[in-house]
Protein backbone atom coordinates (compact mmCIF):
# COMPACT_ATOMS: atom_id res chain seq x y z
CA MET A 1 1.30 -25.04 -6.52
CA GLY A 2 5.13 -24.88 -6.61
CA LYS A 3 7.56 -22.08 -6.08
CA THR A 4 8.31 -19.29 -8.52
CA LYS A 5 11.87 -18.59 -9.29
CA LYS A 6 13.27 -15.87 -7.75
CA ILE A 7 14.82 -14.01 -10.48
CA GLY A 8 16.82 -10.28 -10.27
CA LEU A 9 17.37 -7.81 -7.39
CA GLY A 10 13.72 -7.70 -6.57
CA GLY A 11 12.70 -11.60 -7.39
CA GLY A 12 12.68 -11.66 -3.43
CA LEU A 13 9.87 -9.16 -3.15
CA SER A 14 7.57 -11.50 -5.15
CA VAL A 15 4.23 -9.72 -6.19
CA ARG A 16 4.16 -7.44 -3.17
CA TYR A 17 4.58 -3.68 -3.22
CA GLY A 18 3.85 -3.09 -6.46
CA ALA A 19 5.27 -3.33 -9.85
CA THR A 20 6.35 0.43 -9.41
CA LEU A 21 8.19 -0.14 -6.47
CA ARG A 22 9.41 -3.00 -7.38
CA LYS A 23 11.37 -1.83 -10.29
CA ARG A 24 12.66 1.19 -8.37
CA TYR A 25 13.72 -0.70 -5.61
CA VAL A 26 15.77 -2.58 -7.93
CA ASP A 27 16.99 0.56 -9.69
CA VAL A 28 18.10 1.92 -6.78
CA VAL A 29 20.28 -0.99 -5.78
CA SER A 30 21.19 -1.77 -8.81
CA GLU A 31 23.12 1.77 -8.91
CA ALA A 32 24.65 0.77 -5.61
CA ARG A 33 26.48 -1.80 -6.22
CA ARG A 34 28.10 -0.69 -9.45
CA LEU A 35 31.46 -0.04 -9.75
CA HIS A 36 31.93 3.57 -9.86
CA ARG A 37 34.89 6.37 -10.56
CA CYS A 38 37.42 6.83 -7.88
CA PRO A 39 37.37 11.23 -7.03
CA GLN A 40 41.25 10.52 -6.07
CA CYS A 41 42.78 7.61 -8.81
CA ASN A 42 40.13 8.10 -11.52
CA SER A 43 39.40 4.11 -11.69
CA LEU A 44 36.20 2.63 -12.15
CA THR A 45 37.33 1.21 -8.15
CA VAL A 46 34.91 2.65 -5.83
CA SER A 47 32.38 0.22 -3.96
CA ARG A 48 30.06 0.79 -1.25
CA LYS A 49 31.35 -0.31 2.28
CA SER A 50 28.29 0.93 3.85
CA VAL A 51 25.34 3.34 4.12
CA GLY A 52 27.10 6.75 2.85
CA VAL A 53 30.57 5.71 3.30
CA TRP A 54 32.43 4.06 -0.02
CA ILE A 55 36.22 3.18 -0.99
CA CYS A 56 38.04 2.52 -3.49
CA ARG A 57 39.82 -0.98 -3.85
CA LYS A 58 42.62 0.43 -5.85
CA CYS A 59 44.05 3.05 -3.68
CA SER A 60 41.86 2.83 -0.74
CA PHE A 61 40.72 6.40 -0.03
CA THR A 62 37.88 6.26 2.04
CA PHE A 63 35.54 8.92 1.21
CA ALA A 64 31.68 9.66 2.48
CA GLY A 65 28.87 10.11 -0.09
CA GLY A 66 24.64 9.89 -0.96
CA ALA A 67 23.37 6.40 0.71
CA TYR A 68 23.41 4.87 -2.76
CA THR A 69 25.85 6.70 -5.28
CA PRO A 70 28.52 7.95 -3.84
CA VAL A 71 28.48 11.77 -5.58
CA THR A 72 24.86 13.70 -5.01
CA LYS A 73 23.35 16.28 -6.89
CA LEU A 74 23.53 18.06 -2.97
CA GLY A 75 26.91 17.44 -3.01
CA THR A 76 27.85 18.49 -6.24
CA THR A 77 26.07 22.32 -6.00
CA ALA A 78 27.70 22.53 -2.44
CA ARG A 79 31.12 22.21 -3.79
CA ARG A 80 30.22 24.70 -6.94
CA THR A 81 29.57 27.08 -4.09
CA ALA A 82 32.38 26.42 -1.90
CA ARG A 83 34.76 27.07 -5.19
CA GLY A 84 32.34 30.37 -6.15
CA ILE A 85 31.44 28.78 -9.07
CA SER A 86 27.74 29.49 -9.59
C-alpha cells in the first residue's frame, strides 16, 4: 500500500483522533494563521507572533490577546466593563 497525500491543515493527523476533532483543529489553526485587523492602525496586517502575542506588520504595534484570536469574548466584556458600558 502506498502512502496517502497530506492535504490541508489537518492532513498531518491522518485518520487519528476522529473527524470532529480534526475539523475543530483545522478551524482553530486556520483562524490563528489568518490576518486580523490592527486595533491601532485598522489595517489587516496583524499576525500571531507567539501564543497570546500579536503584532501588526504595518505599524509594529505589539499587544496581548487570546491564544488563537487577537480579541476574545472575555476581553471584549472586560473592556466594556472598564469603560462603564454594560
